Amino acid sequence: MGGMSLVHWLVVAVIVILLFGGSRFSNMMGDVAKGIKNFKKGMAEEDEAPKEATRIEAQKAAEPAFKAEAERTREER
């Protein structure tokens, strides 16, 4: 008495489709599918996000404070 059989659910589905219209119901389901795809895509992009370089990797090599004698003589020529 309290349970809903398959026939009851089919009648409810037909009434909902009649109230909202077939195309509107189809559009709603298409929007739900797009939302799920965008969610999955966002989760995949989050996993693939580039990690920041560590402090050691990000440091640039230090410039020498003075030029070596060999470099100075090459530049003069």
N, C-alpha and C. Protein backbone atom coordinates (compact mmCIF):
# COMPACT_ATOMS: atom_id res chain seq x y z
N MET A 1 0.82 -1.19 0.00
CA MET A 1 0.00 0.00 0.00
C MET A 1 0.87 1.26 0.00
N GLY A 2 1.95 1.24 0.79
CA GLY A 2 2.81 2.41 0.87
C GLY A 2 3.87 2.45 -0.21
N GLY A 3 4.13 1.32 -0.86
CA GLY A 3 5.19 1.25 -1.87
C GLY A 3 4.71 1.70 -3.24
N MET A 4 5.65 2.22 -4.01
CA MET A 4 5.32 2.65 -5.37
C MET A 4 5.86 1.61 -6.34
N SER A 5 5.00 1.10 -7.18
CA SER A 5 5.41 0.11 -8.17
C SER A 5 5.92 0.81 -9.42
N LEU A 6 6.40 0.04 -10.36
CA LEU A 6 6.92 0.56 -11.61
C LEU A 6 5.85 1.32 -12.39
N VAL A 7 4.64 0.84 -12.34
CA VAL A 7 3.53 1.49 -13.05
C VAL A 7 3.29 2.89 -12.47
N HIS A 8 3.34 3.02 -11.16
CA HIS A 8 3.15 4.32 -10.52
C HIS A 8 4.24 5.30 -10.97
N TRP A 9 5.50 4.85 -11.01
CA TRP A 9 6.61 5.72 -11.41
C TRP A 9 6.47 6.14 -12.87
N LEU A 10 5.99 5.23 -13.73
CA LEU A 10 5.77 5.57 -15.13
C LEU A 10 4.69 6.63 -15.29
N VAL A 11 3.61 6.52 -14.52
CA VAL A 11 2.54 7.52 -14.56
C VAL A 11 3.07 8.88 -14.10
N VAL A 12 3.86 8.90 -13.04
CA VAL A 12 4.44 10.15 -12.54
C VAL A 12 5.37 10.74 -13.59
N ALA A 13 6.18 9.92 -14.25
CA ALA A 13 7.09 10.40 -15.28
C ALA A 13 6.33 11.00 -16.46
N VAL A 14 5.25 10.37 -16.88
CA VAL A 14 4.45 10.89 -17.99
C VAL A 14 3.83 12.23 -17.61
N ILE A 15 3.33 12.35 -16.40
CA ILE A 15 2.74 13.62 -15.95
C ILE A 15 3.79 14.72 -15.91
N VAL A 16 5.00 14.42 -15.42
CA VAL A 16 6.07 15.42 -15.37
C VAL A 16 6.46 15.86 -16.77
N ILE A 17 6.55 14.92 -17.70
CA ILE A 17 6.91 15.26 -19.09
C ILE A 17 5.82 16.11 -19.72
N LEU A 18 4.55 15.80 -19.42
CA LEU A 18 3.45 16.61 -19.96
C LEU A 18 3.47 18.03 -19.39
N LEU A 19 3.79 18.16 -18.11
CA LEU A 19 3.82 19.49 -17.49
C LEU A 19 4.98 20.33 -17.99
N PHE A 20 6.14 19.75 -18.05
CA PHE A 20 7.33 20.51 -18.43
C PHE A 20 7.61 20.49 -19.93
N GLY A 21 7.03 19.59 -20.65
CA GLY A 21 7.28 19.48 -22.09
C GLY A 21 8.50 18.62 -22.34
N GLY A 22 8.45 17.86 -23.41
CA GLY A 22 9.54 16.93 -23.73
C GLY A 22 10.85 17.61 -24.02
N SER A 23 10.82 18.71 -24.77
CA SER A 23 12.08 19.38 -25.13
C SER A 23 12.71 20.06 -23.92
N ARG A 24 11.88 20.62 -23.04
CA ARG A 24 12.43 21.28 -21.86
C ARG A 24 13.10 20.26 -20.95
N PHE A 25 12.48 19.11 -20.78
CA PHE A 25 13.05 18.04 -19.96
C PHE A 25 14.35 17.56 -20.58
N SER A 26 14.38 17.43 -21.90
CA SER A 26 15.59 17.00 -22.61
C SER A 26 16.72 18.03 -22.44
N ASN A 27 16.37 19.30 -22.53
CA ASN A 27 17.37 20.36 -22.35
C ASN A 27 17.94 20.35 -20.93
N MET A 28 17.07 20.10 -19.94
CA MET A 28 17.55 20.04 -18.56
C MET A 28 18.54 18.90 -18.39
N MET A 29 18.26 17.75 -18.97
CA MET A 29 19.16 16.62 -18.85
C MET A 29 20.47 16.88 -19.59
N GLY A 30 20.40 17.59 -20.72
CA GLY A 30 21.61 17.96 -21.44
C GLY A 30 22.48 18.90 -20.62
N ASP A 31 21.84 19.85 -19.91
CA ASP A 31 22.59 20.78 -19.05
C ASP A 31 23.25 20.04 -17.89
N VAL A 32 22.56 19.06 -17.35
CA VAL A 32 23.15 18.25 -16.26
C VAL A 32 24.37 17.49 -16.78
N ALA A 33 24.25 16.93 -17.98
CA ALA A 33 25.38 16.18 -18.56
C ALA A 33 26.57 17.10 -18.80
N LYS A 34 26.33 18.33 -19.30
CA LYS A 34 27.42 19.29 -19.52
C LYS A 34 28.08 19.66 -18.20
N GLY A 35 27.26 19.83 -17.17
CA GLY A 35 27.82 20.15 -15.85
C GLY A 35 28.72 19.06 -15.33
N ILE A 36 28.32 17.82 -15.52
CA ILE A 36 29.15 16.69 -15.07
C ILE A 36 30.45 16.63 -15.85
N LYS A 37 30.38 16.87 -17.17
CA LYS A 37 31.60 16.86 -18.00
C LYS A 37 32.56 17.97 -17.56
N ASN A 38 32.02 19.18 -17.33
CA ASN A 38 32.87 20.29 -16.90
C ASN A 38 33.49 20.01 -15.54
N PHE A 39 32.73 19.37 -14.65
CA PHE A 39 33.27 19.03 -13.34
C PHE A 39 34.42 18.05 -13.47
N LYS A 40 34.25 17.01 -14.29
CA LYS A 40 35.31 16.02 -14.48
C LYS A 40 36.53 16.67 -15.13
N LYS A 41 36.30 17.56 -16.09
CA LYS A 41 37.41 18.25 -16.76
C LYS A 41 38.17 19.12 -15.77
N GLY A 42 37.44 19.82 -14.91
CA GLY A 42 38.08 20.66 -13.90
C GLY A 42 38.89 19.85 -12.91
N MET A 43 38.38 18.69 -12.53
CA MET A 43 39.13 17.84 -11.61
C MET A 43 40.39 17.31 -12.27
N ALA A 44 40.33 16.98 -13.56
CA ALA A 44 41.51 16.48 -14.27
C ALA A 44 42.55 17.58 -14.42
N GLU A 45 42.11 18.81 -14.71
CA GLU A 45 43.05 19.92 -14.85
C GLU A 45 43.72 20.24 -13.53
N GLU A 46 42.98 20.10 -12.44
CA GLU A 46 43.55 20.38 -11.13
C GLU A 46 44.67 19.40 -10.81
N ASP A 47 44.51 18.14 -11.21
CA ASP A 47 45.54 17.14 -10.96
C ASP A 47 46.78 17.40 -11.80
N GLU A 48 46.62 17.96 -13.00
CA GLU A 48 47.72 18.17 -13.91
C GLU A 48 48.37 19.54 -13.76
N ALA A 49 47.95 20.33 -12.79
CA ALA A 49 48.48 21.69 -12.63
C ALA A 49 49.98 21.62 -12.35
N PRO A 50 50.76 22.48 -13.01
CA PRO A 50 52.21 22.45 -12.79
C PRO A 50 52.55 22.86 -11.37
N LYS A 51 53.48 22.15 -10.82
CA LYS A 51 53.91 22.47 -9.46
C LYS A 51 54.95 23.59 -9.51
N GLU A 52 54.96 24.41 -8.47
CA GLU A 52 55.94 25.49 -8.41
C GLU A 52 57.33 24.90 -8.22
N ALA A 53 58.30 25.58 -8.79
CA ALA A 53 59.68 25.13 -8.64
C ALA A 53 60.10 25.33 -7.19
N THR A 54 60.88 24.39 -6.71
CA THR A 54 61.37 24.55 -5.34
C THR A 54 62.37 25.68 -5.29
N ARG A 55 62.69 26.12 -4.13
CA ARG A 55 63.58 27.26 -3.97
C ARG A 55 64.95 26.99 -4.60
N ILE A 56 65.43 25.77 -4.49
CA ILE A 56 66.73 25.44 -5.05
C ILE A 56 66.69 25.49 -6.57
N GLU A 57 65.62 24.96 -7.18
CA GLU A 57 65.50 24.96 -8.63
C GLU A 57 65.28 26.37 -9.18
N ALA A 58 64.63 27.22 -8.42
CA ALA A 58 64.25 28.55 -8.90
C ALA A 58 65.40 29.55 -8.82
N GLN A 59 66.43 29.27 -8.04
CA GLN A 59 67.52 30.23 -7.90
C GLN A 59 68.37 30.25 -9.16
N LYS A 60 68.75 31.45 -9.56
CA LYS A 60 69.62 31.63 -10.71
C LYS A 60 71.07 31.54 -10.26
N ALA A 61 71.91 31.05 -11.13
CA ALA A 61 73.32 30.94 -10.78
C ALA A 61 73.90 32.33 -10.57
N ALA A 62 74.79 32.45 -9.61
CA ALA A 62 75.39 33.73 -9.27
C ALA A 62 76.36 34.18 -10.36
N GLU A 63 76.35 35.46 -10.64
CA GLU A 63 77.30 36.05 -11.60
C GLU A 63 78.65 36.22 -10.91
N PRO A 64 79.75 36.02 -11.61
CA PRO A 64 81.06 36.24 -10.98
C PRO A 64 81.24 37.73 -10.67
N ALA A 65 81.93 38.02 -9.57
CA ALA A 65 82.12 39.40 -9.14
C ALA A 65 83.13 40.13 -10.01
N PHE A 66 84.05 39.41 -10.64
CA PHE A 66 85.06 40.04 -11.50
C PHE A 66 85.33 39.13 -12.68
N LYS A 67 85.90 39.69 -13.74
CA LYS A 67 86.22 38.90 -14.92
C LYS A 67 87.61 38.30 -14.75
N ALA A 68 87.74 37.10 -15.23
CA ALA A 68 89.04 36.44 -15.16
C ALA A 68 89.98 37.10 -16.16
N GLU A 69 91.25 36.96 -15.96
CA GLU A 69 92.27 37.56 -16.81
C GLU A 69 92.13 37.11 -18.27
N ALA A 70 91.80 35.85 -18.47
CA ALA A 70 91.67 35.33 -19.83
C ALA A 70 90.51 35.99 -20.55
N GLU A 71 89.41 36.26 -19.87
CA GLU A 71 88.25 36.90 -20.50
C GLU A 71 88.57 38.34 -20.87
N ARG A 72 89.31 39.04 -20.01
CA ARG A 72 89.66 40.43 -20.29
C ARG A 72 90.53 40.54 -21.53
N THR A 73 91.50 39.63 -21.70
CA THR A 73 92.37 39.70 -22.85
C THR A 73 91.64 39.35 -24.14
N ARG A 74 90.64 38.45 -24.07
CA ARG A 74 89.85 38.11 -25.27
C ARG A 74 89.02 39.31 -25.72
N GLU A 75 88.46 40.06 -24.80
CA GLU A 75 87.62 41.20 -25.13
C GLU A 75 88.44 42.35 -25.74
N GLU A 76 89.69 42.48 -25.35
CA GLU A 76 90.52 43.58 -25.84
C GLU A 76 90.92 43.36 -27.28
N ARG A 77 91.01 42.17 -27.74
CA ARG A 77 91.46 41.90 -29.10
C ARG A 77 90.47 42.25 -30.12
